[in-house]
């Protein structure tokens, strides 16, 4: 059997710098640089994919104002006994180390109530530019995951959950349809997928808090003294199941959920 040996990979430093087809219209804020996106102009990436096994694309955003600038070049693979030029960047790859227990499913962001509200205020053209920037695999960053709150979150316009009333309704008889905030957000996700041709977006649901009547002090905050009461454990599980089924009925199946711990944390004080 051939032994696995460490290899050195030299990144050829003569890689040529490339620019996006629509470069970033950069402006400085108190917290750094941003790219301005309007109805008439928005930057695009158009990052080329490597054609061969030894080719790479290096994408950079930096504190000095670079925004998704990229270079391309080629790897030169040699074993550890060979020498390298001084200007070459060298990476050490140990083939004996294997990472087989973890798998990267994708990348994405959170579409909270506040975000959905703001997107809903965009004009049609600006909304399409926004979708293109985040979800397009060709001109944008190609998000394929979205985390959405089950009920409200700390990035929302108000504090809310499903089944806030009537209290102590353990059968959740009033939880029969999605809140209009969720149906609006679902419509935005569908529009984003359709307008960018990205059907690979998967949904992760996350709860911030159960209804207050399920909690020890019936307050929003999530400290130890206000945790979910044991007599409502099954009701809390049913709460998640109802939301999952309603999302599926609305054409938005959920890939995974995060239920939180017993002391679900919402709007910490």
C-alpha atoms as a PDB file:
ATOM      1  CA  UNK A   1       0.000   0.000   0.000  1.00  0.00           C
ATOM      2  CA  UNK A   2       1.329   3.411  -0.928  1.00  0.00           C
ATOM      3  CA  UNK A   3       1.929   5.624   2.079  1.00  0.00           C
ATOM      4  CA  UNK A   4       0.091   8.955   2.347  1.00  0.00           C
ATOM      5  CA  UNK A   5       2.668  11.722   2.362  1.00  0.00           C
ATOM      6  CA  UNK A   6       2.407  15.402   3.234  1.00  0.00           C
ATOM      7  CA  UNK A   7       2.307  17.603   0.176  1.00  0.00           C
ATOM      8  CA  UNK A   8       3.158  21.218  -0.335  1.00  0.00           C
ATOM      9  CA  UNK A   9       0.919  23.309  -2.553  1.00  0.00           C
ATOM     10  CA  UNK A  10       2.349  26.504  -3.952  1.00  0.00           C
ATOM     11  CA  UNK A  11      -0.103  29.242  -4.868  1.00  0.00           C
ATOM     12  CA  UNK A  12       1.384  30.913  -7.890  1.00  0.00           C
ATOM     13  CA  UNK A  13       1.728  34.555  -6.899  1.00  0.00           C
ATOM     14  CA  UNK A  14       1.421  35.901 -10.415  1.00  0.00           C
ATOM     15  CA  UNK A  15      -2.372  35.505 -10.313  1.00  0.00           C
ATOM     16  CA  UNK A  16      -3.994  38.365 -12.162  1.00  0.00           C
ATOM     17  CA  UNK A  17      -6.530  40.576 -10.404  1.00  0.00           C
ATOM     18  CA  UNK A  18     -10.063  40.585 -11.794  1.00  0.00           C
ATOM     19  CA  UNK A  19     -13.032  42.867 -11.205  1.00  0.00           C
ATOM     20  CA  UNK A  20     -16.762  42.303 -11.164  1.00  0.00           C
ATOM     21  CA  UNK A  21     -18.835  43.179 -14.218  1.00  0.00           C
ATOM     22  CA  UNK A  22     -20.653  45.784 -12.093  1.00  0.00           C
ATOM     23  CA  UNK A  23     -18.116  46.864  -9.460  1.00  0.00           C
ATOM     24  CA  UNK A  24     -19.077  47.881  -5.949  1.00  0.00           C
ATOM     25  CA  UNK A  25     -20.342  51.458  -5.667  1.00  0.00           C
ATOM     26  CA  UNK A  26     -18.441  51.826  -2.430  1.00  0.00           C
ATOM     27  CA  UNK A  27     -19.304  54.244   0.348  1.00  0.00           C
ATOM     28  CA  UNK A  28     -17.975  54.507   3.873  1.00  0.00           C
ATOM     29  CA  UNK A  29     -20.116  54.272   6.991  1.00  0.00           C
ATOM     30  CA  UNK A  30     -19.304  54.516  10.668  1.00  0.00           C
ATOM     31  CA  UNK A  31     -18.711  50.752  10.753  1.00  0.00           C
ATOM     32  CA  UNK A  32     -16.802  50.261   7.487  1.00  0.00           C
ATOM     33  CA  UNK A  33     -17.454  50.140   3.744  1.00  0.00           C
ATOM     34  CA  UNK A  34     -20.631  49.052   2.028  1.00  0.00           C
ATOM     35  CA  UNK A  35     -21.750  48.659  -1.570  1.00  0.00           C
ATOM     36  CA  UNK A  36     -24.622  50.917  -2.593  1.00  0.00           C
ATOM     37  CA  UNK A  37     -27.451  49.110  -4.344  1.00  0.00           C
ATOM     38  CA  UNK A  38     -30.307  51.066  -5.921  1.00  0.00           C
ATOM     39  CA  UNK A  39     -33.064  50.553  -8.478  1.00  0.00           C
ATOM     40  CA  UNK A  40     -30.752  51.583 -11.319  1.00  0.00           C
ATOM     41  CA  UNK A  41     -27.410  50.112 -10.256  1.00  0.00           C
ATOM     42  CA  UNK A  42     -26.236  47.219  -8.113  1.00  0.00           C
ATOM     43  CA  UNK A  43     -22.879  45.440  -8.128  1.00  0.00           C
ATOM     44  CA  UNK A  44     -22.639  41.876  -9.415  1.00  0.00           C
ATOM     45  CA  UNK A  45     -20.039  39.219  -8.795  1.00  0.00           C
ATOM     46  CA  UNK A  46     -19.792  37.073 -11.907  1.00  0.00           C
ATOM     47  CA  UNK A  47     -17.055  35.059 -10.209  1.00  0.00           C
ATOM     48  CA  UNK A  48     -15.656  32.493 -12.669  1.00  0.00           C
ATOM     49  CA  UNK A  49     -15.529  28.903 -11.506  1.00  0.00           C
ATOM     50  CA  UNK A  50     -12.194  27.068 -11.810  1.00  0.00           C
ATOM     51  CA  UNK A  51     -11.944  25.073 -15.012  1.00  0.00           C
ATOM     52  CA  UNK A  52      -9.290  22.591 -13.998  1.00  0.00           C
ATOM     53  CA  UNK A  53      -8.290  20.709 -10.871  1.00  0.00           C
ATOM     54  CA  UNK A  54      -5.235  22.871 -10.222  1.00  0.00           C
ATOM     55  CA  UNK A  55      -6.962  26.236 -10.721  1.00  0.00           C
ATOM     56  CA  UNK A  56      -8.314  28.453  -7.925  1.00  0.00           C
ATOM     57  CA  UNK A  57     -10.336  31.636  -7.490  1.00  0.00           C
ATOM     58  CA  UNK A  58      -9.440  33.798  -4.490  1.00  0.00           C
ATOM     59  CA  UNK A  59     -12.261  36.148  -3.331  1.00  0.00           C
ATOM     60  CA  UNK A  60     -11.502  38.944  -0.876  1.00  0.00           C
ATOM     61  CA  UNK A  61     -13.333  41.523   1.210  1.00  0.00           C
ATOM     62  CA  UNK A  62     -11.163  43.605   3.498  1.00  0.00           C
ATOM     63  CA  UNK A  63     -11.112  46.480   5.971  1.00  0.00           C
ATOM     64  CA  UNK A  64      -9.461  48.742   3.433  1.00  0.00           C
ATOM     65  CA  UNK A  65     -12.529  48.587   1.227  1.00  0.00           C
ATOM     66  CA  UNK A  66     -12.231  45.562  -1.022  1.00  0.00           C
ATOM     67  CA  UNK A  67     -15.630  44.037  -1.674  1.00  0.00           C
ATOM     68  CA  UNK A  68     -15.637  40.604  -3.292  1.00  0.00           C
ATOM     69  CA  UNK A  69     -12.620  41.366  -5.436  1.00  0.00           C
ATOM     70  CA  UNK A  70     -11.087  38.232  -6.815  1.00  0.00           C
ATOM     71  CA  UNK A  71      -8.009  36.765  -8.443  1.00  0.00           C
ATOM     72  CA  UNK A  72      -7.452  33.515 -10.221  1.00  0.00           C
ATOM     73  CA  UNK A  73      -4.368  31.365 -10.574  1.00  0.00           C
ATOM     74  CA  UNK A  74      -3.022  27.842 -10.455  1.00  0.00           C
ATOM     75  CA  UNK A  75      -1.750  25.501  -7.770  1.00  0.00           C
ATOM     76  CA  UNK A  76       1.601  23.805  -8.278  1.00  0.00           C
ATOM     77  CA  UNK A  77       1.702  20.530  -6.326  1.00  0.00           C
ATOM     78  CA  UNK A  78       5.050  19.059  -5.312  1.00  0.00           C
ATOM     79  CA  UNK A  79       6.213  16.795  -2.540  1.00  0.00           C
ATOM     80  CA  UNK A  80       7.901  18.142   0.577  1.00  0.00           C
ATOM     81  CA  UNK A  81      11.431  17.398  -0.635  1.00  0.00           C
ATOM     82  CA  UNK A  82      11.265  19.958  -3.457  1.00  0.00           C
ATOM     83  CA  UNK A  83      12.174  23.608  -3.088  1.00  0.00           C
ATOM     84  CA  UNK A  84      10.001  26.654  -3.736  1.00  0.00           C
ATOM     85  CA  UNK A  85      10.598  30.167  -4.903  1.00  0.00           C
ATOM     86  CA  UNK A  86      10.622  32.763  -2.123  1.00  0.00           C
ATOM     87  CA  UNK A  87       7.576  34.655  -3.448  1.00  0.00           C
ATOM     88  CA  UNK A  88       5.337  31.630  -3.595  1.00  0.00           C
ATOM     89  CA  UNK A  89       2.705  31.172  -0.881  1.00  0.00           C
ATOM     90  CA  UNK A  90       2.986  27.672   0.503  1.00  0.00           C
ATOM     91  CA  UNK A  91       0.203  25.610   2.099  1.00  0.00           C
ATOM     92  CA  UNK A  92       0.986  22.409   3.946  1.00  0.00           C
ATOM     93  CA  UNK A  93      -1.547  19.618   3.316  1.00  0.00           C
ATOM     94  CA  UNK A  94      -1.323  16.581   5.588  1.00  0.00           C
ATOM     95  CA  UNK A  95      -3.106  13.754   3.825  1.00  0.00           C
ATOM     96  CA  UNK A  96      -3.142  11.620   6.963  1.00  0.00           C
ATOM     97  CA  UNK A  97      -5.794  13.846   8.520  1.00  0.00           C
ATOM     98  CA  UNK A  98      -9.318  13.049   7.386  1.00  0.00           C
ATOM     99  CA  UNK A  99     -12.498  14.946   8.215  1.00  0.00           C
ATOM    100  CA  UNK A 100     -15.319  12.592   7.410  1.00  0.00           C
ATOM    101  CA  UNK A 101     -17.793  13.183  10.245  1.00  0.00           C
ATOM    102  CA  UNK A 102     -18.801  16.690   9.240  1.00  0.00           C
ATOM    103  CA  UNK A 103     -20.260  17.976   6.017  1.00  0.00           C
ATOM    104  CA  UNK A 104     -20.899  21.552   4.952  1.00  0.00           C
ATOM    105  CA  UNK A 105     -24.466  21.719   3.687  1.00  0.00           C
ATOM    106  CA  UNK A 106     -24.387  25.336   2.595  1.00  0.00           C
ATOM    107  CA  UNK A 107     -24.307  28.987   3.523  1.00  0.00           C
ATOM    108  CA  UNK A 108     -27.011  31.542   4.151  1.00  0.00           C
ATOM    109  CA  UNK A 109     -28.537  34.048   6.522  1.00  0.00           C
ATOM    110  CA  UNK A 110     -31.587  34.803   8.644  1.00  0.00           C
ATOM    111  CA  UNK A 111     -34.781  36.267   7.235  1.00  0.00           C
ATOM    112  CA  UNK A 112     -36.333  37.706  10.374  1.00  0.00           C
ATOM    113  CA  UNK A 113     -39.537  39.654  10.813  1.00  0.00           C
ATOM    114  CA  UNK A 114     -37.678  42.961  10.629  1.00  0.00           C
ATOM    115  CA  UNK A 115     -35.822  41.922   7.463  1.00  0.00           C
ATOM    116  CA  UNK A 116     -38.998  40.704   5.806  1.00  0.00           C
ATOM    117  CA  UNK A 117     -40.752  43.971   6.707  1.00  0.00           C
ATOM    118  CA  UNK A 118     -37.977  46.048   5.136  1.00  0.00           C
ATOM    119  CA  UNK A 119     -37.891  43.901   1.964  1.00  0.00           C
ATOM    120  CA  UNK A 120     -41.647  44.350   1.715  1.00  0.00           C
ATOM    121  CA  UNK A 121     -41.089  48.130   1.459  1.00  0.00           C
ATOM    122  CA  UNK A 122     -38.747  47.804  -1.536  1.00  0.00           C
ATOM    123  CA  UNK A 123     -39.870  48.727  -5.028  1.00  0.00           C
ATOM    124  CA  UNK A 124     -40.127  45.860  -7.498  1.00  0.00           C
ATOM    125  CA  UNK A 125     -36.776  46.660  -9.161  1.00  0.00           C
ATOM    126  CA  UNK A 126     -34.918  47.097  -5.890  1.00  0.00           C
ATOM    127  CA  UNK A 127     -36.387  43.860  -4.567  1.00  0.00           C
ATOM    128  CA  UNK A 128     -35.121  41.961  -7.601  1.00  0.00           C
ATOM    129  CA  UNK A 129     -31.654  43.484  -7.163  1.00  0.00           C
ATOM    130  CA  UNK A 130     -31.716  42.412  -3.520  1.00  0.00           C
ATOM    131  CA  UNK A 131     -32.667  38.844  -4.442  1.00  0.00           C
ATOM    132  CA  UNK A 132     -29.998  38.736  -7.144  1.00  0.00           C
ATOM    133  CA  UNK A 133     -27.285  39.867  -4.728  1.00  0.00           C
ATOM    134  CA  UNK A 134     -28.056  37.218  -2.139  1.00  0.00           C
ATOM    135  CA  UNK A 135     -29.452  34.223  -4.025  1.00  0.00           C
ATOM    136  CA  UNK A 136     -28.118  34.252  -7.574  1.00  0.00           C
ATOM    137  CA  UNK A 137     -25.429  31.648  -8.152  1.00  0.00           C
ATOM    138  CA  UNK A 138     -24.086  33.569 -11.131  1.00  0.00           C
ATOM    139  CA  UNK A 139     -24.232  37.226 -10.132  1.00  0.00           C
ATOM    140  CA  UNK A 140     -24.628  37.014  -6.356  1.00  0.00           C
ATOM    141  CA  UNK A 141     -23.318  35.107  -3.363  1.00  0.00           C
ATOM    142  CA  UNK A 142     -25.621  32.143  -3.956  1.00  0.00           C
ATOM    143  CA  UNK A 143     -27.258  31.624  -0.555  1.00  0.00           C
ATOM    144  CA  UNK A 144     -28.816  28.167  -0.281  1.00  0.00           C
ATOM    145  CA  UNK A 145     -29.939  28.285   3.363  1.00  0.00           C
ATOM    146  CA  UNK A 146     -32.325  30.570   5.239  1.00  0.00           C
ATOM    147  CA  UNK A 147     -33.093  30.534   8.936  1.00  0.00           C
ATOM    148  CA  UNK A 148     -36.569  31.824   9.757  1.00  0.00           C
ATOM    149  CA  UNK A 149     -38.100  32.356  13.205  1.00  0.00           C
ATOM    150  CA  UNK A 150     -41.010  30.233  14.399  1.00  0.00           C
ATOM    151  CA  UNK A 151     -43.076  33.113  15.682  1.00  0.00           C
ATOM    152  CA  UNK A 152     -41.223  36.272  16.669  1.00  0.00           C
ATOM    153  CA  UNK A 153     -37.574  36.904  17.400  1.00  0.00           C
ATOM    154  CA  UNK A 154     -35.438  39.674  18.865  1.00  0.00           C
ATOM    155  CA  UNK A 155     -35.178  41.058  15.309  1.00  0.00           C
ATOM    156  CA  UNK A 156     -38.877  41.791  14.926  1.00  0.00           C
ATOM    157  CA  UNK A 157     -41.142  44.795  15.111  1.00  0.00           C
ATOM    158  CA  UNK A 158     -42.989  43.504  18.160  1.00  0.00           C
ATOM    159  CA  UNK A 159     -42.954  40.632  20.624  1.00  0.00           C
ATOM    160  CA  UNK A 160     -45.143  37.779  19.480  1.00  0.00           C
ATOM    161  CA  UNK A 161     -45.606  34.040  19.208  1.00  0.00           C
ATOM    162  CA  UNK A 162     -48.308  31.812  17.851  1.00  0.00           C
ATOM    163  CA  UNK A 163     -51.114  30.877  20.255  1.00  0.00           C
ATOM    164  CA  UNK A 164     -50.631  33.854  22.567  1.00  0.00           C
ATOM    165  CA  UNK A 165     -54.345  33.583  23.291  1.00  0.00           C
ATOM    166  CA  UNK A 166     -56.311  31.894  24.721  1.00  0.00           C
ATOM    167  CA  UNK A 167     -54.034  31.060  27.618  1.00  0.00           C
ATOM    168  CA  UNK A 168     -53.575  27.464  28.744  1.00  0.00           C
ATOM    169  CA  UNK A 169     -54.962  26.120  25.484  1.00  0.00           C
ATOM    170  CA  UNK A 170     -52.902  22.933  25.535  1.00  0.00           C
ATOM    171  CA  UNK A 171     -54.691  21.646  22.423  1.00  0.00           C
ATOM    172  CA  UNK A 172     -53.583  24.742  20.452  1.00  0.00           C
ATOM    173  CA  UNK A 173     -57.068  25.070  19.013  1.00  0.00           C
ATOM    174  CA  UNK A 174     -56.383  28.655  17.887  1.00  0.00           C
ATOM    175  CA  UNK A 175     -53.237  27.703  15.946  1.00  0.00           C
ATOM    176  CA  UNK A 176     -54.909  26.866  12.636  1.00  0.00           C
ATOM    177  CA  UNK A 177     -53.086  29.005  10.062  1.00  0.00           C
ATOM    178  CA  UNK A 178     -49.847  30.838   9.461  1.00  0.00           C
ATOM    179  CA  UNK A 179     -49.578  34.403  10.638  1.00  0.00           C
ATOM    180  CA  UNK A 180     -49.691  36.908   7.775  1.00  0.00           C
ATOM    181  CA  UNK A 181     -46.086  37.859   8.583  1.00  0.00           C
ATOM    182  CA  UNK A 182     -45.033  34.298   7.797  1.00  0.00           C
ATOM    183  CA  UNK A 183     -47.069  34.097   4.587  1.00  0.00           C
ATOM    184  CA  UNK A 184     -45.512  37.385   3.423  1.00  0.00           C
ATOM    185  CA  UNK A 185     -42.023  36.072   4.179  1.00  0.00           C
ATOM    186  CA  UNK A 186     -42.777  32.791   2.383  1.00  0.00           C
ATOM    187  CA  UNK A 187     -43.936  34.738  -0.672  1.00  0.00           C
ATOM    188  CA  UNK A 188     -40.667  36.680  -0.640  1.00  0.00           C
ATOM    189  CA  UNK A 189     -38.618  33.468  -0.477  1.00  0.00           C
ATOM    190  CA  UNK A 190     -40.577  31.978  -3.368  1.00  0.00           C
ATOM    191  CA  UNK A 191     -40.074  35.167  -5.377  1.00  0.00           C
ATOM    192  CA  UNK A 192     -36.336  35.117  -4.619  1.00  0.00           C
ATOM    193  CA  UNK A 193     -36.001  31.507  -5.756  1.00  0.00           C
ATOM    194  CA  UNK A 194     -38.014  32.064  -8.924  1.00  0.00           C
ATOM    195  CA  UNK A 195     -36.343  35.333  -9.955  1.00  0.00           C
ATOM    196  CA  UNK A 196     -32.814  33.947  -9.505  1.00  0.00           C
ATOM    197  CA  UNK A 197     -33.416  30.379 -10.641  1.00  0.00           C
ATOM    198  CA  UNK A 198     -32.086  29.077  -7.338  1.00  0.00           C
ATOM    199  CA  UNK A 199     -34.248  26.135  -6.280  1.00  0.00           C
ATOM    200  CA  UNK A 200     -31.669  24.853  -3.800  1.00  0.00           C
ATOM    201  CA  UNK A 201     -32.659  27.149  -0.925  1.00  0.00           C
ATOM    202  CA  UNK A 202     -33.540  25.152   2.191  1.00  0.00           C
ATOM    203  CA  UNK A 203     -35.328  26.464   5.275  1.00  0.00           C
ATOM    204  CA  UNK A 204     -34.229  26.160   8.900  1.00  0.00           C
ATOM    205  CA  UNK A 205     -36.830  27.064  11.529  1.00  0.00           C
ATOM    206  CA  UNK A 206     -35.850  28.381  14.967  1.00  0.00           C
ATOM    207  CA  UNK A 207     -37.946  29.292  17.989  1.00  0.00           C
ATOM    208  CA  UNK A 208     -37.019  32.130  20.315  1.00  0.00           C
ATOM    209  CA  UNK A 209     -39.761  31.653  22.891  1.00  0.00           C
ATOM    210  CA  UNK A 210     -42.947  29.724  23.602  1.00  0.00           C
ATOM    211  CA  UNK A 211     -46.119  31.689  24.368  1.00  0.00           C
ATOM    212  CA  UNK A 212     -45.734  33.464  27.704  1.00  0.00           C
ATOM    213  CA  UNK A 213     -48.406  31.343  29.393  1.00  0.00           C
ATOM    214  CA  UNK A 214     -46.129  28.304  28.993  1.00  0.00           C
ATOM    215  CA  UNK A 215     -43.333  29.967  30.980  1.00  0.00           C
ATOM    216  CA  UNK A 216     -42.732  30.108  34.706  1.00  0.00           C
ATOM    217  CA  UNK A 217     -43.105  33.892  35.108  1.00  0.00           C
ATOM    218  CA  UNK A 218     -45.144  34.460  31.965  1.00  0.00           C
ATOM    219  CA  UNK A 219     -42.623  37.032  30.701  1.00  0.00           C
ATOM    220  CA  UNK A 220     -40.744  37.230  27.411  1.00  0.00           C
ATOM    221  CA  UNK A 221     -37.241  37.061  28.838  1.00  0.00           C
ATOM    222  CA  UNK A 222     -35.446  33.713  28.976  1.00  0.00           C
ATOM    223  CA  UNK A 223     -33.555  33.537  32.247  1.00  0.00           C
ATOM    224  CA  UNK A 224     -33.530  30.471  34.509  1.00  0.00           C
ATOM    225  CA  UNK A 225     -36.463  31.656  36.590  1.00  0.00           C
ATOM    226  CA  UNK A 226     -38.683  31.940  33.503  1.00  0.00           C
ATOM    227  CA  UNK A 227     -38.134  28.625  31.763  1.00  0.00           C
ATOM    228  CA  UNK A 228     -40.672  26.486  29.955  1.00  0.00           C
ATOM    229  CA  UNK A 229     -42.901  24.683  32.464  1.00  0.00           C
ATOM    230  CA  UNK A 230     -42.746  20.848  32.413  1.00  0.00           C
ATOM    231  CA  UNK A 231     -46.518  20.472  32.028  1.00  0.00           C
ATOM    232  CA  UNK A 232     -46.236  22.170  28.644  1.00  0.00           C
ATOM    233  CA  UNK A 233     -43.441  20.067  27.148  1.00  0.00           C
ATOM    234  CA  UNK A 234     -45.840  18.090  24.939  1.00  0.00           C
ATOM    235  CA  UNK A 235     -47.760  21.223  23.985  1.00  0.00           C
ATOM    236  CA  UNK A 236     -44.496  22.885  22.978  1.00  0.00           C
ATOM    237  CA  UNK A 237     -43.624  19.882  20.781  1.00  0.00           C
ATOM    238  CA  UNK A 238     -47.080  20.021  19.187  1.00  0.00           C
ATOM    239  CA  UNK A 239     -46.571  23.748  18.588  1.00  0.00           C
ATOM    240  CA  UNK A 240     -43.548  22.977  16.413  1.00  0.00           C
ATOM    241  CA  UNK A 241     -45.358  20.196  14.563  1.00  0.00           C
ATOM    242  CA  UNK A 242     -48.282  22.497  13.735  1.00  0.00           C
ATOM    243  CA  UNK A 243     -45.966  25.141  12.335  1.00  0.00           C
ATOM    244  CA  UNK A 244     -44.089  22.590  10.233  1.00  0.00           C
ATOM    245  CA  UNK A 245     -47.317  21.275   8.705  1.00  0.00           C
ATOM    246  CA  UNK A 246     -48.660  24.765   8.006  1.00  0.00           C
ATOM    247  CA  UNK A 247     -45.385  25.749   6.334  1.00  0.00           C
ATOM    248  CA  UNK A 248     -45.524  22.632   4.165  1.00  0.00           C
ATOM    249  CA  UNK A 249     -49.125  23.414   3.189  1.00  0.00           C
ATOM    250  CA  UNK A 250     -47.953  26.880   2.113  1.00  0.00           C
ATOM    251  CA  UNK A 251     -45.364  25.351  -0.224  1.00  0.00           C
ATOM    252  CA  UNK A 252     -42.443  26.037   2.102  1.00  0.00           C
ATOM    253  CA  UNK A 253     -41.211  22.700   3.525  1.00  0.00           C
ATOM    254  CA  UNK A 254     -38.712  23.042   6.363  1.00  0.00           C
ATOM    255  CA  UNK A 255     -35.406  21.172   6.229  1.00  0.00           C
ATOM    256  CA  UNK A 256     -34.596  21.379   9.964  1.00  0.00           C
ATOM    257  CA  UNK A 257     -35.652  23.101  13.168  1.00  0.00           C
ATOM    258  CA  UNK A 258     -33.956  24.356  16.305  1.00  0.00           C
ATOM    259  CA  UNK A 259     -36.307  24.172  19.268  1.00  0.00           C
ATOM    260  CA  UNK A 260     -34.181  25.913  21.888  1.00  0.00           C
ATOM    261  CA  UNK A 261     -33.626  24.673  25.414  1.00  0.00           C
ATOM    262  CA  UNK A 262     -36.196  24.555  28.184  1.00  0.00           C
ATOM    263  CA  UNK A 263     -35.380  28.170  28.996  1.00  0.00           C
ATOM    264  CA  UNK A 264     -36.087  29.464  25.498  1.00  0.00           C
ATOM    265  CA  UNK A 265     -34.530  32.875  25.197  1.00  0.00           C
ATOM    266  CA  UNK A 266     -36.419  35.818  23.714  1.00  0.00           C
ATOM    267  CA  UNK A 267     -35.777  39.504  24.235  1.00  0.00           C
ATOM    268  CA  UNK A 268     -33.357  38.994  27.123  1.00  0.00           C
ATOM    269  CA  UNK A 269     -33.456  41.642  29.798  1.00  0.00           C
END
